[in-house]
C-alpha atoms as a PDB file:
ATOM      1  CA  GLN A   1      -5.427   6.289 -23.897  1.00  0.00           C
ATOM      2  CA  TRP A   2      -7.004   3.069 -25.027  1.00  0.00           C
ATOM      3  CA  TYR A   3      -8.838   2.920 -21.982  1.00  0.00           C
ATOM      4  CA  GLY A   4     -10.304   6.413 -22.013  1.00  0.00           C
ATOM      5  CA  ASP A   5     -11.174   5.856 -25.837  1.00  0.00           C
ATOM      6  CA  LEU A   6     -12.806   2.287 -25.223  1.00  0.00           C
ATOM      7  CA  VAL A   7     -14.518   3.345 -21.894  1.00  0.00           C
ATOM      8  CA  THR A   8     -14.955   7.080 -21.180  1.00  0.00           C
ATOM      9  CA  ASN A   9     -15.324   8.684 -18.070  1.00  0.00           C
ATOM     10  CA  GLU A  10     -19.040   9.973 -17.620  1.00  0.00           C
ATOM     11  CA  ASN A  11     -17.587  13.364 -16.127  1.00  0.00           C
ATOM     12  CA  TRP A  12     -14.169  15.120 -15.281  1.00  0.00           C
ATOM     13  CA  HIS A  13     -14.504  13.980 -11.377  1.00  0.00           C
ATOM     14  CA  HIS A  14     -13.524  10.301 -12.556  1.00  0.00           C
ATOM     15  CA  ILE A  15     -10.731  11.530 -14.743  1.00  0.00           C
ATOM     16  CA  TRP A  16      -8.686   8.921 -13.074  1.00  0.00           C
ATOM     17  CA  LEU A  17     -10.354   6.323 -14.998  1.00  0.00           C
ATOM     18  CA  HIS A  18      -8.218   7.682 -18.244  1.00  0.00           C
ATOM     19  CA  GLU A  19      -5.020   9.180 -16.902  1.00  0.00           C
ATOM     20  CA  GLY A  20      -4.444   6.721 -13.762  1.00  0.00           C
ATOM     21  CA  PHE A  21      -5.177   3.677 -15.902  1.00  0.00           C
ATOM     22  CA  ALA A  22      -2.951   4.896 -18.527  1.00  0.00           C
ATOM     23  CA  THR A  23      -0.172   5.920 -16.383  1.00  0.00           C
ATOM     24  CA  TYR A  24      -0.522   2.347 -14.711  1.00  0.00           C
ATOM     25  CA  SER A  25      -0.341   1.101 -18.308  1.00  0.00           C
ATOM     26  CA  GLU A  26       3.200   2.154 -18.907  1.00  0.00           C
ATOM     27  CA  GLY A  27       4.045   0.693 -15.710  1.00  0.00           C
ATOM     28  CA  LEU A  28       2.796  -2.899 -16.431  1.00  0.00           C
ATOM     29  CA  TRP A  29       4.542  -2.807 -19.652  1.00  0.00           C
ATOM     30  CA  LEU A  30       7.805  -1.665 -18.344  1.00  0.00           C
ATOM     31  CA  GLU A  31       7.361  -5.070 -15.930  1.00  0.00           C
ATOM     32  CA  ASN A  32       6.550  -6.834 -18.924  1.00  0.00           C
ATOM     33  CA  TYR A  33       9.587  -5.798 -21.279  1.00  0.00           C
ATOM     34  CA  TYR A  34      12.578  -4.908 -18.657  1.00  0.00           C
ATOM     35  CA  GLY A  35      11.342  -6.744 -15.567  1.00  0.00           C
ATOM     36  CA  GLN A  36      10.895  -6.331 -12.026  1.00  0.00           C
ATOM     37  CA  THR A  37      13.392  -3.724 -11.390  1.00  0.00           C
ATOM     38  CA  ALA A  38      12.039  -1.412 -13.763  1.00  0.00           C
ATOM     39  CA  TYR A  39       8.459  -1.659 -12.616  1.00  0.00           C
ATOM     40  CA  ASN A  40       9.721  -1.219  -8.653  1.00  0.00           C
ATOM     41  CA  ASP A  41      11.459   2.105 -10.200  1.00  0.00           C
ATOM     42  CA  PHE A  42       8.640   3.185 -11.677  1.00  0.00           C
ATOM     43  CA  ILE A  43       6.143   2.962  -8.997  1.00  0.00           C
ATOM     44  CA  ALA A  44       8.705   4.392  -6.632  1.00  0.00           C
ATOM     45  CA  ARG A  45       8.823   7.636  -8.551  1.00  0.00           C
ATOM     46  CA  ASN A  46       5.235   7.832  -9.031  1.00  0.00           C
ATOM     47  CA  MET A  47       4.812   7.233  -5.558  1.00  0.00           C
ATOM     48  CA  ALA A  48       6.963  10.275  -4.647  1.00  0.00           C
ATOM     49  CA  TYR A  49       4.694  12.352  -7.039  1.00  0.00           C
ATOM     50  CA  ALA A  50       1.515  10.889  -5.351  1.00  0.00           C
ATOM     51  CA  LYS A  51       2.421  12.173  -2.016  1.00  0.00           C
ATOM     52  CA  ASN A  52       2.252  15.818  -3.207  1.00  0.00           C
ATOM     53  CA  ALA A  53      -1.259  15.237  -4.647  1.00  0.00           C
ATOM     54  CA  LYS A  54      -3.978  17.579  -2.696  1.00  0.00           C
ATOM     55  CA  GLY A  55      -7.471  16.730  -2.277  1.00  0.00           C
ATOM     56  CA  THR A  56      -9.078  13.687  -3.155  1.00  0.00           C
ATOM     57  CA  LEU A  57      -8.689  11.601  -6.364  1.00  0.00           C
ATOM     58  CA  TYR A  58     -12.004  12.168  -7.277  1.00  0.00           C
ATOM     59  CA  VAL A  59     -11.807  15.494  -8.726  1.00  0.00           C
ATOM     60  CA  GLN A  60     -13.800  18.163  -6.514  1.00  0.00           C
ATOM     61  CA  ASP A  61     -13.301  21.231  -8.651  1.00  0.00           C
ATOM     62  CA  ILE A  62     -13.933  20.374 -12.579  1.00  0.00           C
ATOM     63  CA  THR A  63     -13.878  24.202 -13.181  1.00  0.00           C
ATOM     64  CA  LYS A  64     -10.338  24.342 -13.721  1.00  0.00           C
ATOM     65  CA  VAL A  65      -8.211  22.464 -16.162  1.00  0.00           C
ATOM     66  CA  SER A  66      -5.315  22.175 -13.600  1.00  0.00           C
ATOM     67  CA  GLU A  67      -7.629  20.602 -11.294  1.00  0.00           C
ATOM     68  CA  ILE A  68      -8.710  18.055 -13.927  1.00  0.00           C
ATOM     69  CA  PHE A  69      -5.351  17.167 -15.388  1.00  0.00           C
ATOM     70  CA  ASN A  70      -3.116  17.286 -12.239  1.00  0.00           C
ATOM     71  CA  GLY A  71      -0.072  15.079 -12.778  1.00  0.00           C
ATOM     72  CA  ASN A  72       0.285  14.314  -9.039  1.00  0.00           C
ATOM     73  CA  ARG A  73      -3.189  13.361  -8.648  1.00  0.00           C
ATOM     74  CA  SER A  74      -5.209  11.964 -11.752  1.00  0.00           C
ATOM     75  CA  TYR A  75      -2.076  10.449 -13.211  1.00  0.00           C
ATOM     76  CA  SER A  76       0.554   9.481 -10.481  1.00  0.00           C
ATOM     77  CA  LYS A  77      -2.235   8.709  -7.513  1.00  0.00           C
ATOM     78  CA  GLY A  78      -4.364   7.039  -9.859  1.00  0.00           C
ATOM     79  CA  ALA A  79      -2.008   4.508 -10.956  1.00  0.00           C
ATOM     80  CA  ILE A  80      -0.534   3.944  -7.242  1.00  0.00           C
ATOM     81  CA  VAL A  81      -3.920   3.101  -6.413  1.00  0.00           C
ATOM     82  CA  LEU A  82      -4.178   0.627  -9.227  1.00  0.00           C
ATOM     83  CA  HIS A  83      -0.493  -0.922  -7.962  1.00  0.00           C
ATOM     84  CA  MET A  84      -2.108  -0.899  -4.362  1.00  0.00           C
ATOM     85  CA  PHE A  85      -5.204  -2.921  -5.502  1.00  0.00           C
ATOM     86  CA  ARG A  86      -3.242  -5.399  -8.200  1.00  0.00           C
ATOM     87  CA  ARG A  87      -1.446  -6.268  -4.451  1.00  0.00           C
ATOM     88  CA  ILE A  88      -4.355  -6.929  -2.386  1.00  0.00           C
ATOM     89  CA  LEU A  89      -5.473  -9.512  -5.085  1.00  0.00           C
ATOM     90  CA  ASN A  90      -2.752 -11.072  -7.649  1.00  0.00           C
ATOM     91  CA  PRO A  91      -1.825 -10.342 -11.082  1.00  0.00           C
ATOM     92  CA  SER A  92      -4.178 -12.812 -12.447  1.00  0.00           C
ATOM     93  CA  THR A  93      -7.093 -11.781 -10.631  1.00  0.00           C
ATOM     94  CA  PHE A  94      -6.499  -7.936 -11.494  1.00  0.00           C
ATOM     95  CA  LYS A  95      -5.932  -8.615 -15.134  1.00  0.00           C
ATOM     96  CA  ASN A  96      -9.510 -10.468 -14.822  1.00  0.00           C
ATOM     97  CA  VAL A  97     -10.977  -7.221 -13.098  1.00  0.00           C
ATOM     98  CA  LEU A  98      -9.371  -4.841 -15.837  1.00  0.00           C
ATOM     99  CA  MET A  99     -10.572  -6.863 -18.647  1.00  0.00           C
ATOM    100  CA  SER A 100     -14.061  -7.426 -17.292  1.00  0.00           C
ATOM    101  CA  PHE A 101     -14.222  -3.463 -17.199  1.00  0.00           C
ATOM    102  CA  ALA A 102     -13.067  -2.735 -20.461  1.00  0.00           C
ATOM    103  CA  LEU A 103     -14.818  -5.567 -22.217  1.00  0.00           C
ATOM    104  CA  ASP A 104     -18.059  -4.954 -20.686  1.00  0.00           C
ATOM    105  CA  THR A 105     -20.849  -3.542 -23.085  1.00  0.00           C
ATOM    106  CA  THR A 106     -22.293  -1.652 -20.545  1.00  0.00           C
ATOM    107  CA  PHE A 107     -19.365   0.706 -20.812  1.00  0.00           C
ATOM    108  CA  GLN A 108     -17.699  -0.243 -23.965  1.00  0.00           C
ATOM    109  CA  PHE A 109     -18.042   2.641 -26.239  1.00  0.00           C
ATOM    110  CA  GLY A 110     -19.892   4.265 -23.680  1.00  0.00           C
ATOM    111  CA  THR A 111     -19.423   6.169 -20.073  1.00  0.00           C
ATOM    112  CA  ALA A 112     -18.126   4.971 -17.205  1.00  0.00           C
ATOM    113  CA  THR A 113     -17.806   6.126 -13.585  1.00  0.00           C
ATOM    114  CA  THR A 114     -15.672   4.995 -10.259  1.00  0.00           C
ATOM    115  CA  GLU A 115     -18.718   3.126  -8.694  1.00  0.00           C
ATOM    116  CA  ASP A 116     -18.862   0.994 -12.361  1.00  0.00           C
ATOM    117  CA  PHE A 117     -15.407   0.081 -11.873  1.00  0.00           C
ATOM    118  CA  ILE A 118     -15.964  -1.035  -8.202  1.00  0.00           C
ATOM    119  CA  ARG A 119     -18.879  -2.682  -8.740  1.00  0.00           C
ATOM    120  CA  THR A 120     -16.987  -4.603 -11.582  1.00  0.00           C
ATOM    121  CA  ALA A 121     -14.220  -5.499  -8.868  1.00  0.00           C
ATOM    122  CA  ASN A 122     -16.579  -7.019  -6.511  1.00  0.00           C
ATOM    123  CA  ARG A 123     -18.368  -9.011  -9.003  1.00  0.00           C
ATOM    124  CA  VAL A 124     -15.275 -10.249 -10.493  1.00  0.00           C
ATOM    125  CA  THR A 125     -13.651 -11.114  -7.210  1.00  0.00           C
ATOM    126  CA  GLY A 126     -16.771 -12.117  -5.232  1.00  0.00           C
ATOM    127  CA  ILE A 127     -15.356  -9.701  -2.320  1.00  0.00           C
ATOM    128  CA  ASP A 128     -16.416  -6.185  -1.633  1.00  0.00           C
ATOM    129  CA  TYR A 129     -13.737  -4.027  -1.870  1.00  0.00           C
ATOM    130  CA  THR A 130     -15.913  -0.904  -1.811  1.00  0.00           C
ATOM    131  CA  TRP A 131     -13.743   0.143   1.416  1.00  0.00           C
ATOM    132  CA  PHE A 132     -10.684   0.388  -0.436  1.00  0.00           C
ATOM    133  CA  PHE A 133     -11.909   2.497  -3.243  1.00  0.00           C
ATOM    134  CA  ASN A 134     -13.718   4.661  -0.610  1.00  0.00           C
ATOM    135  CA  GLN A 135     -10.502   5.829   1.219  1.00  0.00           C
ATOM    136  CA  TRP A 136      -8.419   5.841  -1.545  1.00  0.00           C
ATOM    137  CA  ILE A 137     -10.369   7.815  -4.088  1.00  0.00           C
ATOM    138  CA  TYR A 138     -12.748   9.723  -2.060  1.00  0.00           C
ATOM    139  CA  GLY A 139     -10.337  10.252   0.642  1.00  0.00           C
ATOM    140  CA  GLU A 140      -7.148  12.478   1.030  1.00  0.00           C
ATOM    141  CA  ASN A 141      -3.301  11.552   1.648  1.00  0.00           C
ATOM    142  CA  TYR A 142      -1.920   8.457   2.780  1.00  0.00           C
ATOM    143  CA  PRO A 143      -1.189   6.263   5.998  1.00  0.00           C
ATOM    144  CA  LYS A 144       1.813   7.220   8.369  1.00  0.00           C
ATOM    145  CA  TYR A 145       3.059   4.268  10.364  1.00  0.00           C
ATOM    146  CA  ASN A 146       5.563   4.362  13.222  1.00  0.00           C
ATOM    147  CA  VAL A 147       6.625   0.676  13.574  1.00  0.00           C
ATOM    148  CA  SER A 148       8.354  -1.089  16.500  1.00  0.00           C
ATOM    149  CA  TRP A 149       8.996  -4.503  17.757  1.00  0.00           C
ATOM    150  CA  ASN A 150      10.419  -6.974  20.286  1.00  0.00           C
ATOM    151  CA  SER A 151      10.598 -10.486  20.767  1.00  0.00           C
ATOM    152  CA  GLU A 152      10.636 -12.876  23.892  1.00  0.00           C
ATOM    153  CA  PRO A 153      12.314 -16.795  24.182  1.00  0.00           C
ATOM    154  CA  LEU A 154       9.970 -19.100  24.565  1.00  0.00           C
ATOM    155  CA  GLY A 155      13.029 -22.132  24.523  1.00  0.00           C
ATOM    156  CA  ASN A 156      14.038 -24.486  21.915  1.00  0.00           C
ATOM    157  CA  ASN A 157      15.100 -21.551  19.656  1.00  0.00           C
ATOM    158  CA  ASN A 158      11.049 -20.222  19.509  1.00  0.00           C
ATOM    159  CA  TYR A 159      10.303 -17.050  20.145  1.00  0.00           C
ATOM    160  CA  LYS A 160       7.226 -14.724  20.607  1.00  0.00           C
ATOM    161  CA  PHE A 161       7.309 -11.794  18.240  1.00  0.00           C
ATOM    162  CA  ILE A 162       5.442  -8.533  18.982  1.00  0.00           C
ATOM    163  CA  LEU A 163       4.654  -5.855  16.267  1.00  0.00           C
ATOM    164  CA  ASN A 164       3.533  -2.469  17.525  1.00  0.00           C
ATOM    165  CA  ILE A 165       2.099  -0.379  14.811  1.00  0.00           C
ATOM    166  CA  LYS A 166       0.819   3.365  15.419  1.00  0.00           C
ATOM    167  CA  GLN A 167      -0.681   5.162  12.518  1.00  0.00           C
ATOM    168  CA  GLU A 168      -0.967   8.940  12.774  1.00  0.00           C
ATOM    169  CA  ALA A 169      -4.333  10.492  12.425  1.00  0.00           C
ATOM    170  CA  ASN A 170      -5.769  11.673   9.128  1.00  0.00           C
ATOM    171  CA  MET A 171      -8.741  14.041   8.381  1.00  0.00           C
ATOM    172  CA  ASN A 172     -10.427  11.336   5.711  1.00  0.00           C
ATOM    173  CA  PRO A 173     -10.627   8.708   6.792  1.00  0.00           C
ATOM    174  CA  GLN A 174      -9.452   8.927   9.924  1.00  0.00           C
ATOM    175  CA  TYR A 175      -7.307   5.628   9.926  1.00  0.00           C
ATOM    176  CA  PHE A 176      -6.391   3.869   6.654  1.00  0.00           C
ATOM    177  CA  ALA A 177      -7.399   0.118   6.384  1.00  0.00           C
ATOM    178  CA  MET A 178      -4.723  -1.846   4.543  1.00  0.00           C
ATOM    179  CA  PRO A 179      -3.296  -5.758   4.464  1.00  0.00           C
ATOM    180  CA  VAL A 180       0.780  -4.695   5.542  1.00  0.00           C
ATOM    181  CA  SER A 181       3.323  -7.344   4.456  1.00  0.00           C
ATOM    182  CA  VAL A 182       6.171  -7.259   7.233  1.00  0.00           C
ATOM    183  CA  LEU A 183       9.606  -9.129   6.519  1.00  0.00           C
ATOM    184  CA  ILE A 184      11.130 -10.761   9.670  1.00  0.00           C
ATOM    185  CA  LYS A 185      14.608 -11.463   9.385  1.00  0.00           C
ATOM    186  CA  THR A 186      15.983 -14.136  12.146  1.00  0.00           C
ATOM    187  CA  ASN A 187      18.609 -16.278  12.721  1.00  0.00           C
ATOM    188  CA  ASP A 188      17.069 -19.448  10.973  1.00  0.00           C
ATOM    189  CA  GLY A 189      16.012 -17.191   7.583  1.00  0.00           C
ATOM    190  CA  ASP A 190      13.079 -14.756   6.535  1.00  0.00           C
ATOM    191  CA  ILE A 191       9.866 -15.012   7.652  1.00  0.00           C
ATOM    192  CA  MET A 192       6.726 -13.135   5.697  1.00  0.00           C
ATOM    193  CA  LYS A 193       3.861 -12.136   7.671  1.00  0.00           C
ATOM    194  CA  SER A 194       0.600 -10.034   6.607  1.00  0.00           C
ATOM    195  CA  VAL A 195      -1.373  -8.035   9.019  1.00  0.00           C
ATOM    196  CA  PHE A 196      -4.403  -5.650   8.494  1.00  0.00           C
ATOM    197  CA  VAL A 197      -3.813  -2.463  10.000  1.00  0.00           C
ATOM    198  CA  SER A 198      -6.707   0.104  10.356  1.00  0.00           C
ATOM    199  CA  GLN A 199      -6.254   1.452  14.098  1.00  0.00           C
ATOM    200  CA  ALA A 200      -4.420   4.194  16.036  1.00  0.00           C
ATOM    201  CA  GLU A 201      -2.456   1.587  17.601  1.00  0.00           C
ATOM    202  CA  GLU A 202      -2.285  -2.270  17.298  1.00  0.00           C
ATOM    203  CA  ASN A 203      -0.123  -4.969  18.528  1.00  0.00           C
ATOM    204  CA  PHE A 204       0.283  -8.331  16.366  1.00  0.00           C
ATOM    205  CA  GLU A 205       1.811 -11.555  18.106  1.00  0.00           C
ATOM    206  CA  PHE A 206       3.484 -14.253  16.328  1.00  0.00           C
ATOM    207  CA  GLU A 207       5.678 -17.248  17.626  1.00  0.00           C
ATOM    208  CA  LYS A 208       8.447 -18.285  15.140  1.00  0.00           C
ATOM    209  CA  THR A 209      11.544 -20.227  15.078  1.00  0.00           C
ATOM    210  CA  GLY A 210      14.591 -18.135  15.071  1.00  0.00           C
ATOM    211  CA  LYS A 211      15.584 -14.975  17.268  1.00  0.00           C
ATOM    212  CA  PRO A 212      14.547 -11.993  15.434  1.00  0.00           C
ATOM    213  CA  LYS A 213      17.049  -9.360  14.209  1.00  0.00           C
ATOM    214  CA  ARG A 214      15.347  -7.270  12.585  1.00  0.00           C
ATOM    215  CA  ILE A 215      12.111  -6.470  10.220  1.00  0.00           C
ATOM    216  CA  VAL A 216      11.436  -4.401   6.934  1.00  0.00           C
ATOM    217  CA  PHE A 217       7.881  -3.238   6.777  1.00  0.00           C
ATOM    218  CA  ASP A 218       6.175  -3.273   3.456  1.00  0.00           C
ATOM    219  CA  PRO A 219       9.036  -4.594   1.855  1.00  0.00           C
ATOM    220  CA  GLU A 220       7.921  -4.576  -1.547  1.00  0.00           C
ATOM    221  CA  ASN A 221       6.726  -1.132  -1.524  1.00  0.00           C
ATOM    222  CA  SER A 222       2.826  -2.079  -1.970  1.00  0.00           C
ATOM    223  CA  ILE A 223       1.639   0.803  -0.012  1.00  0.00           C
ATOM    224  CA  LEU A 224       1.407   4.403  -0.467  1.00  0.00           C
ATOM    225  CA  LYS A 225       2.781   5.643   2.845  1.00  0.00           C
ATOM    226  CA  GLU A 226       5.466   7.352   5.488  1.00  0.00           C
ATOM    227  CA  LYS A 227       7.106   4.739   7.409  1.00  0.00           C
ATOM    228  CA  TYR A 228       9.018   5.182  10.469  1.00  0.00           C
ATOM    229  CA  GLY A 229      11.398   2.896  12.950  1.00  0.00           C
ATOM    230  CA  ASP A 230      10.556  -0.245  11.644  1.00  0.00           C
ATOM    231  CA  GLU A 231      14.068  -1.339  12.364  1.00  0.00           C
ATOM    232  CA  ILE A 232      13.944  -0.470  15.638  1.00  0.00           C
ATOM    233  CA  GLU A 233      13.524  -3.239  18.734  1.00  0.00           C
ATOM    234  CA  ILE A 234      11.738  -2.391  21.344  1.00  0.00           C
ATOM    235  CA  VAL A 235      13.583  -2.155  24.751  1.00  0.00           C
ATOM    236  CA  ASN A 236      11.826  -3.475  27.535  1.00  0.00           C
ATOM    237  CA  GLY A 237      14.250  -3.023  30.154  1.00  0.00           C
ATOM    238  CA  PHE A 238      17.707  -2.282  31.314  1.00  0.00           C
ATOM    239  CA  GLU A 239      20.293  -4.250  33.694  1.00  0.00           C
ATOM    240  CA  LEU A 240      23.758  -2.786  35.048  1.00  0.00           C
ATOM    241  CA  TYR A 241      26.179  -5.860  35.902  1.00  0.00           C
ATOM    242  CA  GLN A 242      29.160  -5.774  38.206  1.00  0.00           C
ATOM    243  CA  ASN A 243      32.158  -4.558  36.680  1.00  0.00           C
ATOM    244  CA  TYR A 244      34.865  -7.641  36.560  1.00  0.00           C
ATOM    245  CA  PRO A 245      37.245  -7.613  37.609  1.00  0.00           C
ATOM    246  CA  ASN A 246      37.057  -5.239  40.587  1.00  0.00           C
ATOM    247  CA  PRO A 247      39.034  -3.129  40.760  1.00  0.00           C
ATOM    248  CA  PHE A 248      39.861  -3.202  37.183  1.00  0.00           C
ATOM    249  CA  ASN A 249      43.154  -1.904  35.418  1.00  0.00           C
ATOM    250  CA  PRO A 250      42.468   1.427  33.918  1.00  0.00           C
END
């Protein structure tokens, strides 16, 4: 509520600047007071609600109260967009963005739009994140990934790791562009890698020490998504060996 009182949205189209921020503030309080597990539970719960959101986070039809104050969209999805943006940045930079937006005398005790928040984020970070907000504020739905992998021995306990990610086509955007973390579990320990996924199908290759055993796609739940098959290793071929001894005892 404090965000809405200090910086009011210019019109009802941008209600997520009130309710998404207010909802996410609850998550930040839980994280600070009860710890990471409480925050993770809060995010998982709101992600489940956000997946039920219809249409864009930017409210198209502001003639209906039920559209403006839609819990799945304006509240939960708005909060999850901030969660994702915080993960793309880091907690410290994200905090600077929020403070710069809330304390900007251009908006303080006045009004602001989504574009004002985007410009603030770009200015504070020095990076253009318009691509992120365009797909999550003005786009619909969320990415659906199908993940598989395989590995090839290179000798001396080194392996080439090949990650295949397919993304189902969406209407708007056709494909989401997001950085994704992948946890690779090997015989020699765990390795975290980050890849940028933006196409219908992409392959990523790494050379690593230790035979890969399994992977976890987006292990920190940083993205609103569906994922399939992230623990499945691609089978490149089959080989039939002679039974031994031959003949063998029943």
